[in-house]
Amino acid sequence: MRACEVRLKKILIVGDKGRMGGMLLQRARNIGLHVLGIDQPLEQTELEEKAQGVSLAVFCVPAPVFAKVLERVCPHLPKTCIVSDITSVKELPMEAMEGIWPGSFVGTHPLFGPEPDSSGPLPVAITPGRQLENADLDFCEAFWTSLGFTVFRCTPKEHDVAMAKIQNLNFITNLAYFALLAGQTELYPYLTPSFRRRLASARKMLTEDASMFSALFEANRNSHEVVRNYSRILNLAASGDIGLLCERAKSWWPEAEADKKV
């Protein structure tokens, strides 16, 4: 579907006062899409007005309240509307959409924050749902690509396993590391540049966004298994198999190994 066809559709952003919802709303308006926003308290009169004739409803709300907001908004949407979410977990929201919305639905996850860095790729994971015809899927993907993002398709399970490893394990390992060292002021004179870099990179995650990452960790059914696998790696380190772990870790930088052989 071409960008000009997306402009003929009415799109509703649910949660437009949030950072992600606000960013999507503004970005869509900047390219001339017919997009409206709605947020709490989700009053009935406003819902009835803004939901009329909507082709795509994008729910930009936290995973813990997603089902509740879905139940509030869906009765006002046209039966032909495609319902979508942007949460960082996919299995539970997809099940919620399947149980609440009788029409087409699709899960999406923008793999970037509300202030995307335009210098690199900005991918969006797409998890097609029940009754999603090819034309509906094309429209949903065209919405994201028209905003300047790229898309790829996956299953909810594939998505959640990957995010348990990439997002949730990153959060938990940082959390455990800095919790272990908390209050040990005698360490301050010894802080190295690499430690300070890690400290700086973890600050926002463990201060401003800790409650969000905690909720996402618990909402992902694969999180605990990934942590158990990580604990096995720590056991290898504790037993002295550092060289083995170093060799495994080097797979992230194959170009470094190639340079050594030249």
C-alpha atoms as a PDB file:
ATOM      1  CA  MET A   1       0.000   0.000   0.000  1.00  0.00           C
ATOM      2  CA  ARG A   2       1.335   3.418  -0.977  1.00  0.00           C
ATOM      3  CA  ALA A   3       1.681   6.328   1.432  1.00  0.00           C
ATOM      4  CA  CYS A   4      -1.001   8.286  -0.432  1.00  0.00           C
ATOM      5  CA  GLU A   5      -3.506   5.512   0.321  1.00  0.00           C
ATOM      6  CA  VAL A   6      -2.682   5.676   4.031  1.00  0.00           C
ATOM      7  CA  ARG A   7      -3.619   9.362   3.971  1.00  0.00           C
ATOM      8  CA  LEU A   8      -7.172   8.411   2.973  1.00  0.00           C
ATOM      9  CA  LYS A   9      -7.649   6.437   6.200  1.00  0.00           C
ATOM     10  CA  LYS A  10      -8.648   7.754   9.624  1.00  0.00           C
ATOM     11  CA  ILE A  11      -6.261   6.685  12.398  1.00  0.00           C
ATOM     12  CA  LEU A  12      -6.797   6.971  16.151  1.00  0.00           C
ATOM     13  CA  ILE A  13      -3.919   7.107  18.634  1.00  0.00           C
ATOM     14  CA  VAL A  14      -5.124   5.938  22.052  1.00  0.00           C
ATOM     15  CA  GLY A  15      -2.774   7.358  24.666  1.00  0.00           C
ATOM     16  CA  ASP A  16      -1.598  10.414  22.741  1.00  0.00           C
ATOM     17  CA  LYS A  17      -0.538  12.229  25.929  1.00  0.00           C
ATOM     18  CA  GLY A  18       2.171   9.647  26.559  1.00  0.00           C
ATOM     19  CA  ARG A  19       5.626  10.072  25.089  1.00  0.00           C
ATOM     20  CA  MET A  20       5.342   7.350  22.438  1.00  0.00           C
ATOM     21  CA  GLY A  21       1.747   8.174  21.556  1.00  0.00           C
ATOM     22  CA  GLY A  22       2.552  11.871  21.335  1.00  0.00           C
ATOM     23  CA  MET A  23       5.562  11.208  19.106  1.00  0.00           C
ATOM     24  CA  LEU A  24       3.523   9.036  16.718  1.00  0.00           C
ATOM     25  CA  LEU A  25       0.684  11.547  16.604  1.00  0.00           C
ATOM     26  CA  GLN A  26       3.002  14.430  15.767  1.00  0.00           C
ATOM     27  CA  ARG A  27       4.995  12.426  13.240  1.00  0.00           C
ATOM     28  CA  ALA A  28       1.777  11.326  11.506  1.00  0.00           C
ATOM     29  CA  ARG A  29       0.421  14.866  11.396  1.00  0.00           C
ATOM     30  CA  ASN A  30       3.709  16.144   9.991  1.00  0.00           C
ATOM     31  CA  ILE A  31       3.224  14.020   6.863  1.00  0.00           C
ATOM     32  CA  GLY A  32      -0.463  14.838   6.511  1.00  0.00           C
ATOM     33  CA  LEU A  33      -2.122  11.695   7.821  1.00  0.00           C
ATOM     34  CA  HIS A  34      -5.705  11.916   9.082  1.00  0.00           C
ATOM     35  CA  VAL A  35      -4.918  11.104  12.699  1.00  0.00           C
ATOM     36  CA  LEU A  36      -6.694  11.916  15.960  1.00  0.00           C
ATOM     37  CA  GLY A  37      -5.598  11.369  19.550  1.00  0.00           C
ATOM     38  CA  ILE A  38      -7.407  10.476  22.750  1.00  0.00           C
ATOM     39  CA  ASP A  39      -6.249   9.855  26.297  1.00  0.00           C
ATOM     40  CA  GLN A  40      -7.523   9.546  29.853  1.00  0.00           C
ATOM     41  CA  PRO A  41     -10.172   9.913  31.142  1.00  0.00           C
ATOM     42  CA  LEU A  42     -11.557   8.399  27.888  1.00  0.00           C
ATOM     43  CA  GLU A  43     -14.948  10.037  28.228  1.00  0.00           C
ATOM     44  CA  GLN A  44     -17.786   8.432  26.288  1.00  0.00           C
ATOM     45  CA  THR A  45     -18.761  11.528  24.304  1.00  0.00           C
ATOM     46  CA  GLU A  46     -15.220  12.047  23.049  1.00  0.00           C
ATOM     47  CA  LEU A  47     -14.812   8.344  22.322  1.00  0.00           C
ATOM     48  CA  GLU A  48     -17.990   8.239  20.250  1.00  0.00           C
ATOM     49  CA  GLU A  49     -16.882  11.287  18.282  1.00  0.00           C
ATOM     50  CA  LYS A  50     -13.289  10.352  17.591  1.00  0.00           C
ATOM     51  CA  ALA A  51     -13.830   6.613  17.031  1.00  0.00           C
ATOM     52  CA  GLN A  52     -16.325   7.177  14.236  1.00  0.00           C
ATOM     53  CA  GLY A  53     -14.993   5.943  10.905  1.00  0.00           C
ATOM     54  CA  VAL A  54     -11.591   4.889  12.283  1.00  0.00           C
ATOM     55  CA  SER A  55      -9.651   2.439  10.086  1.00  0.00           C
ATOM     56  CA  LEU A  56      -6.749   1.815  12.501  1.00  0.00           C
ATOM     57  CA  ALA A  57      -6.648   2.273  16.283  1.00  0.00           C
ATOM     58  CA  VAL A  58      -3.132   2.259  17.746  1.00  0.00           C
ATOM     59  CA  PHE A  59      -3.110   1.707  21.511  1.00  0.00           C
ATOM     60  CA  CYS A  60      -0.065   3.421  23.038  1.00  0.00           C
ATOM     61  CA  VAL A  61      -0.674   2.409  26.642  1.00  0.00           C
ATOM     62  CA  PRO A  62       1.380   0.398  29.172  1.00  0.00           C
ATOM     63  CA  ALA A  63       1.083  -3.389  29.069  1.00  0.00           C
ATOM     64  CA  PRO A  64      -0.406  -3.715  32.608  1.00  0.00           C
ATOM     65  CA  VAL A  65      -3.445  -1.558  31.697  1.00  0.00           C
ATOM     66  CA  PHE A  66      -3.739  -2.536  28.036  1.00  0.00           C
ATOM     67  CA  ALA A  67      -6.676  -4.948  28.420  1.00  0.00           C
ATOM     68  CA  LYS A  68      -8.618  -2.485  30.596  1.00  0.00           C
ATOM     69  CA  VAL A  69      -8.195   0.357  28.084  1.00  0.00           C
ATOM     70  CA  LEU A  70      -9.039  -2.010  25.222  1.00  0.00           C
ATOM     71  CA  GLU A  71     -12.325  -2.940  26.908  1.00  0.00           C
ATOM     72  CA  ARG A  72     -13.145   0.738  27.360  1.00  0.00           C
ATOM     73  CA  VAL A  73     -12.427   1.840  23.789  1.00  0.00           C
ATOM     74  CA  CYS A  74     -13.367  -1.118  21.574  1.00  0.00           C
ATOM     75  CA  PRO A  75     -17.177  -0.853  21.920  1.00  0.00           C
ATOM     76  CA  HIS A  76     -16.966   2.521  20.173  1.00  0.00           C
ATOM     77  CA  LEU A  77     -14.841   1.412  17.213  1.00  0.00           C
ATOM     78  CA  PRO A  78     -16.286   0.413  13.816  1.00  0.00           C
ATOM     79  CA  LYS A  79     -16.319  -3.341  13.210  1.00  0.00           C
ATOM     80  CA  THR A  80     -14.030  -2.809  10.227  1.00  0.00           C
ATOM     81  CA  CYS A  81     -11.336  -1.127  12.358  1.00  0.00           C
ATOM     82  CA  ILE A  82      -7.944  -2.755  12.786  1.00  0.00           C
ATOM     83  CA  VAL A  83      -6.896  -2.749  16.450  1.00  0.00           C
ATOM     84  CA  SER A  84      -3.195  -2.526  17.267  1.00  0.00           C
ATOM     85  CA  ASP A  85      -0.838  -2.044  20.214  1.00  0.00           C
ATOM     86  CA  ILE A  86       2.790  -0.933  20.632  1.00  0.00           C
ATOM     87  CA  THR A  87       3.769  -2.674  23.877  1.00  0.00           C
ATOM     88  CA  SER A  88       7.173  -4.297  24.388  1.00  0.00           C
ATOM     89  CA  VAL A  89       5.541  -7.670  25.024  1.00  0.00           C
ATOM     90  CA  LYS A  90       3.331  -9.412  22.495  1.00  0.00           C
ATOM     91  CA  GLU A  91       1.838 -12.697  23.707  1.00  0.00           C
ATOM     92  CA  LEU A  92      -0.417 -11.237  26.438  1.00  0.00           C
ATOM     93  CA  PRO A  93      -1.619  -8.203  24.416  1.00  0.00           C
ATOM     94  CA  MET A  94      -2.366 -10.427  21.413  1.00  0.00           C
ATOM     95  CA  GLU A  95      -4.424 -12.727  23.637  1.00  0.00           C
ATOM     96  CA  ALA A  96      -6.241  -9.696  25.055  1.00  0.00           C
ATOM     97  CA  MET A  97      -7.073  -8.388  21.579  1.00  0.00           C
ATOM     98  CA  GLU A  98      -8.272 -11.812  20.466  1.00  0.00           C
ATOM     99  CA  GLY A  99     -10.533 -12.106  23.512  1.00  0.00           C
ATOM    100  CA  ILE A 100     -11.957  -8.575  23.408  1.00  0.00           C
ATOM    101  CA  TRP A 101     -12.001  -7.472  19.773  1.00  0.00           C
ATOM    102  CA  PRO A 102     -13.995  -9.588  17.264  1.00  0.00           C
ATOM    103  CA  GLY A 103     -12.410  -7.962  14.218  1.00  0.00           C
ATOM    104  CA  SER A 104      -8.905  -7.679  12.788  1.00  0.00           C
ATOM    105  CA  PHE A 105      -5.963  -6.965  15.069  1.00  0.00           C
ATOM    106  CA  VAL A 106      -2.201  -6.796  14.844  1.00  0.00           C
ATOM    107  CA  GLY A 107       0.580  -6.436  17.382  1.00  0.00           C
ATOM    108  CA  THR A 108       3.408  -3.985  16.804  1.00  0.00           C
ATOM    109  CA  HIS A 109       6.496  -3.017  18.764  1.00  0.00           C
ATOM    110  CA  PRO A 110       8.624  -0.010  17.777  1.00  0.00           C
ATOM    111  CA  LEU A 111      12.148  -1.029  18.787  1.00  0.00           C
ATOM    112  CA  PHE A 112      13.114   2.514  19.759  1.00  0.00           C
ATOM    113  CA  GLY A 113      12.015   5.202  22.181  1.00  0.00           C
ATOM    114  CA  PRO A 114       9.953   8.400  21.909  1.00  0.00           C
ATOM    115  CA  GLU A 115      12.967  10.354  20.628  1.00  0.00           C
ATOM    116  CA  PRO A 116      14.185   8.068  17.821  1.00  0.00           C
ATOM    117  CA  ASP A 117      17.704   8.550  16.516  1.00  0.00           C
ATOM    118  CA  SER A 118      17.415   9.074  12.774  1.00  0.00           C
ATOM    119  CA  SER A 119      21.061   8.107  12.185  1.00  0.00           C
ATOM    120  CA  GLY A 120      20.297   4.373  12.343  1.00  0.00           C
ATOM    121  CA  PRO A 121      17.531   1.920  11.397  1.00  0.00           C
ATOM    122  CA  LEU A 122      14.234   2.286  13.259  1.00  0.00           C
ATOM    123  CA  PRO A 123      12.606  -1.157  13.066  1.00  0.00           C
ATOM    124  CA  VAL A 124       9.064  -2.058  14.078  1.00  0.00           C
ATOM    125  CA  ALA A 125       8.183  -5.690  14.831  1.00  0.00           C
ATOM    126  CA  ILE A 126       4.814  -6.748  13.381  1.00  0.00           C
ATOM    127  CA  THR A 127       2.879  -9.742  14.768  1.00  0.00           C
ATOM    128  CA  PRO A 128      -0.206 -10.418  12.624  1.00  0.00           C
ATOM    129  CA  GLY A 129      -3.347 -11.520  14.456  1.00  0.00           C
ATOM    130  CA  ARG A 130      -6.457 -13.518  13.663  1.00  0.00           C
ATOM    131  CA  GLN A 131      -8.633 -12.461  10.721  1.00  0.00           C
ATOM    132  CA  LEU A 132      -5.964 -10.078   9.483  1.00  0.00           C
ATOM    133  CA  GLU A 133      -6.304 -10.026   5.709  1.00  0.00           C
ATOM    134  CA  ASN A 134      -3.353  -9.147   3.507  1.00  0.00           C
ATOM    135  CA  ALA A 135      -4.813  -5.735   2.698  1.00  0.00           C
ATOM    136  CA  ASP A 136      -5.181  -4.924   6.409  1.00  0.00           C
ATOM    137  CA  LEU A 137      -1.639  -6.065   7.138  1.00  0.00           C
ATOM    138  CA  ASP A 138      -0.341  -3.987   4.225  1.00  0.00           C
ATOM    139  CA  PHE A 139      -2.196  -0.945   5.569  1.00  0.00           C
ATOM    140  CA  CYS A 140      -0.820  -1.394   9.072  1.00  0.00           C
ATOM    141  CA  GLU A 141       2.731  -1.771   7.766  1.00  0.00           C
ATOM    142  CA  ALA A 142       2.273   1.187   5.412  1.00  0.00           C
ATOM    143  CA  PHE A 143       1.309   3.347   8.388  1.00  0.00           C
ATOM    144  CA  TRP A 144       4.673   2.621  10.028  1.00  0.00           C
ATOM    145  CA  THR A 145       6.771   2.894   6.872  1.00  0.00           C
ATOM    146  CA  SER A 146       5.108   6.201   5.959  1.00  0.00           C
ATOM    147  CA  LEU A 147       6.414   7.545   9.282  1.00  0.00           C
ATOM    148  CA  GLY A 148       9.960   6.679   8.209  1.00  0.00           C
ATOM    149  CA  PHE A 149      10.325   3.345  10.009  1.00  0.00           C
ATOM    150  CA  THR A 150      11.103  -0.157   8.737  1.00  0.00           C
ATOM    151  CA  VAL A 151       9.015  -3.237   9.527  1.00  0.00           C
ATOM    152  CA  PHE A 152       9.557  -6.962   9.894  1.00  0.00           C
ATOM    153  CA  ARG A 153       7.148  -9.773  10.778  1.00  0.00           C
ATOM    154  CA  CYS A 154       7.419 -12.322  13.553  1.00  0.00           C
ATOM    155  CA  THR A 155       5.231 -14.435  15.838  1.00  0.00           C
ATOM    156  CA  PRO A 156       4.338 -13.235  19.352  1.00  0.00           C
ATOM    157  CA  LYS A 157       6.446 -16.043  20.821  1.00  0.00           C
ATOM    158  CA  GLU A 158       9.483 -15.207  18.710  1.00  0.00           C
ATOM    159  CA  HIS A 159       9.154 -11.573  19.713  1.00  0.00           C
ATOM    160  CA  ASP A 160       8.820 -12.230  23.430  1.00  0.00           C
ATOM    161  CA  VAL A 161      11.722 -14.685  23.574  1.00  0.00           C
ATOM    162  CA  ALA A 162      13.922 -12.123  21.818  1.00  0.00           C
ATOM    163  CA  MET A 163      12.817  -9.268  24.084  1.00  0.00           C
ATOM    164  CA  ALA A 164      13.351 -11.389  27.201  1.00  0.00           C
ATOM    165  CA  LYS A 165      16.964 -11.770  26.091  1.00  0.00           C
ATOM    166  CA  ILE A 166      17.593  -8.277  24.723  1.00  0.00           C
ATOM    167  CA  GLN A 167      15.492  -5.952  26.863  1.00  0.00           C
ATOM    168  CA  ASN A 168      14.590  -7.784  30.061  1.00  0.00           C
ATOM    169  CA  LEU A 169      17.932  -9.484  30.672  1.00  0.00           C
ATOM    170  CA  ASN A 170      19.696  -6.173  30.109  1.00  0.00           C
ATOM    171  CA  PHE A 171      17.465  -4.609  32.765  1.00  0.00           C
ATOM    172  CA  ILE A 172      17.836  -7.432  35.296  1.00  0.00           C
ATOM    173  CA  THR A 173      21.610  -7.739  34.978  1.00  0.00           C
ATOM    174  CA  ASN A 174      22.058  -3.988  35.436  1.00  0.00           C
ATOM    175  CA  LEU A 175      19.629  -4.037  38.340  1.00  0.00           C
ATOM    176  CA  ALA A 176      21.393  -6.939  40.068  1.00  0.00           C
ATOM    177  CA  TYR A 177      24.858  -5.503  39.449  1.00  0.00           C
ATOM    178  CA  PHE A 178      24.166  -2.081  40.922  1.00  0.00           C
ATOM    179  CA  ALA A 179      22.017  -3.493  43.723  1.00  0.00           C
ATOM    180  CA  LEU A 180      24.955  -5.732  44.689  1.00  0.00           C
ATOM    181  CA  LEU A 181      27.311  -2.741  44.937  1.00  0.00           C
ATOM    182  CA  ALA A 182      24.798  -0.311  46.447  1.00  0.00           C
ATOM    183  CA  GLY A 183      25.935   1.621  49.507  1.00  0.00           C
ATOM    184  CA  GLN A 184      29.580   0.563  49.236  1.00  0.00           C
ATOM    185  CA  THR A 185      30.974   4.086  49.313  1.00  0.00           C
ATOM    186  CA  GLU A 186      34.471   2.742  49.913  1.00  0.00           C
ATOM    187  CA  LEU A 187      34.478   1.784  46.200  1.00  0.00           C
ATOM    188  CA  TYR A 188      34.166   5.369  44.960  1.00  0.00           C
ATOM    189  CA  PRO A 189      37.918   6.100  44.711  1.00  0.00           C
ATOM    190  CA  TYR A 190      38.323   3.008  42.509  1.00  0.00           C
ATOM    191  CA  LEU A 191      35.718   3.762  39.837  1.00  0.00           C
ATOM    192  CA  THR A 192      37.196   3.208  36.361  1.00  0.00           C
ATOM    193  CA  PRO A 193      36.107   4.834  33.066  1.00  0.00           C
ATOM    194  CA  SER A 194      34.393   1.620  31.935  1.00  0.00           C
ATOM    195  CA  PHE A 195      32.442   1.433  35.208  1.00  0.00           C
ATOM    196  CA  ARG A 196      31.414   5.082  34.892  1.00  0.00           C
ATOM    197  CA  ARG A 197      30.190   4.442  31.343  1.00  0.00           C
ATOM    198  CA  ARG A 198      28.070   1.538  32.537  1.00  0.00           C
ATOM    199  CA  LEU A 199      26.793   3.613  35.456  1.00  0.00           C
ATOM    200  CA  ALA A 200      25.798   6.445  33.125  1.00  0.00           C
ATOM    201  CA  SER A 201      24.075   4.154  30.616  1.00  0.00           C
ATOM    202  CA  ALA A 202      22.037   2.436  33.367  1.00  0.00           C
ATOM    203  CA  ARG A 203      20.947   5.590  35.157  1.00  0.00           C
ATOM    204  CA  LYS A 204      17.736   6.307  33.246  1.00  0.00           C
ATOM    205  CA  MET A 205      16.759   2.632  33.145  1.00  0.00           C
ATOM    206  CA  LEU A 206      17.106   2.167  36.913  1.00  0.00           C
ATOM    207  CA  THR A 207      15.754   5.535  38.043  1.00  0.00           C
ATOM    208  CA  GLU A 208      13.175   6.982  35.660  1.00  0.00           C
ATOM    209  CA  ASP A 209      12.089   3.759  33.906  1.00  0.00           C
ATOM    210  CA  ALA A 210      12.526   1.062  36.582  1.00  0.00           C
ATOM    211  CA  SER A 211       8.791   0.542  37.146  1.00  0.00           C
ATOM    212  CA  MET A 212       8.156   0.232  33.391  1.00  0.00           C
ATOM    213  CA  PHE A 213      10.947  -2.314  32.891  1.00  0.00           C
ATOM    214  CA  SER A 214       9.829  -4.249  35.977  1.00  0.00           C
ATOM    215  CA  ALA A 215       6.291  -4.501  34.583  1.00  0.00           C
ATOM    216  CA  LEU A 216       7.574  -5.628  31.180  1.00  0.00           C
ATOM    217  CA  PHE A 217       9.789  -8.225  32.818  1.00  0.00           C
ATOM    218  CA  GLU A 218       6.833  -9.736  34.661  1.00  0.00           C
ATOM    219  CA  ALA A 219       4.508  -9.507  31.643  1.00  0.00           C
ATOM    220  CA  ASN A 220       6.892 -11.582  29.510  1.00  0.00           C
ATOM    221  CA  ARG A 221       6.470 -15.311  30.152  1.00  0.00           C
ATOM    222  CA  ASN A 222      10.032 -16.000  28.982  1.00  0.00           C
ATOM    223  CA  SER A 223      11.852 -13.648  31.360  1.00  0.00           C
ATOM    224  CA  HIS A 224      12.474 -16.066  34.231  1.00  0.00           C
ATOM    225  CA  GLU A 225      13.826 -18.819  31.977  1.00  0.00           C
ATOM    226  CA  VAL A 226      16.276 -16.378  30.394  1.00  0.00           C
ATOM    227  CA  VAL A 227      17.482 -15.308  33.864  1.00  0.00           C
ATOM    228  CA  ARG A 228      17.956 -18.961  34.818  1.00  0.00           C
ATOM    229  CA  ASN A 229      20.076 -19.473  31.690  1.00  0.00           C
ATOM    230  CA  TYR A 230      22.121 -16.413  32.605  1.00  0.00           C
ATOM    231  CA  SER A 231      22.724 -17.796  36.089  1.00  0.00           C
ATOM    232  CA  ARG A 232      24.215 -20.901  34.453  1.00  0.00           C
ATOM    233  CA  ILE A 233      26.659 -18.674  32.577  1.00  0.00           C
ATOM    234  CA  LEU A 234      27.575 -16.998  35.874  1.00  0.00           C
ATOM    235  CA  ASN A 235      28.213 -20.446  37.329  1.00  0.00           C
ATOM    236  CA  LEU A 236      30.678 -21.095  34.494  1.00  0.00           C
ATOM    237  CA  ALA A 237      32.465 -17.870  35.398  1.00  0.00           C
ATOM    238  CA  ALA A 238      32.507 -18.858  39.077  1.00  0.00           C
ATOM    239  CA  SER A 239      34.082 -22.197  38.167  1.00  0.00           C
ATOM    240  CA  GLY A 240      36.882 -20.434  36.276  1.00  0.00           C
ATOM    241  CA  ASP A 241      35.830 -20.995  32.657  1.00  0.00           C
ATOM    242  CA  ILE A 242      36.566 -17.385  31.698  1.00  0.00           C
ATOM    243  CA  GLY A 243      38.385 -18.281  28.486  1.00  0.00           C
ATOM    244  CA  LEU A 244      35.414 -20.283  27.231  1.00  0.00           C
ATOM    245  CA  LEU A 245      33.074 -17.379  27.873  1.00  0.00           C
ATOM    246  CA  CYS A 246      35.447 -14.942  26.158  1.00  0.00           C
ATOM    247  CA  GLU A 247      35.481 -17.096  23.030  1.00  0.00           C
ATOM    248  CA  ARG A 248      31.684 -17.290  22.992  1.00  0.00           C
ATOM    249  CA  ALA A 249      31.295 -13.547  23.515  1.00  0.00           C
ATOM    250  CA  LYS A 250      33.634 -12.745  20.595  1.00  0.00           C
ATOM    251  CA  SER A 251      30.970 -13.948  18.146  1.00  0.00           C
ATOM    252  CA  TRP A 252      29.420 -10.467  18.445  1.00  0.00           C
ATOM    253  CA  TRP A 253      32.510  -8.958  16.770  1.00  0.00           C
ATOM    254  CA  PRO A 254      33.498 -11.276  13.884  1.00  0.00           C
ATOM    255  CA  GLU A 255      35.306  -8.410  12.155  1.00  0.00           C
ATOM    256  CA  ALA A 256      37.737  -8.239  15.080  1.00  0.00           C
ATOM    257  CA  GLU A 257      38.684 -11.876  14.578  1.00  0.00           C
ATOM    258  CA  ALA A 258      39.040 -11.305  10.826  1.00  0.00           C
ATOM    259  CA  ASP A 259      41.383  -8.377  11.431  1.00  0.00           C
ATOM    260  CA  LYS A 260      43.579 -10.530  13.673  1.00  0.00           C
ATOM    261  CA  LYS A 261      44.034 -13.094  10.897  1.00  0.00           C
ATOM    262  CA  VAL A 262      45.133 -10.537   8.306  1.00  0.00           C
END
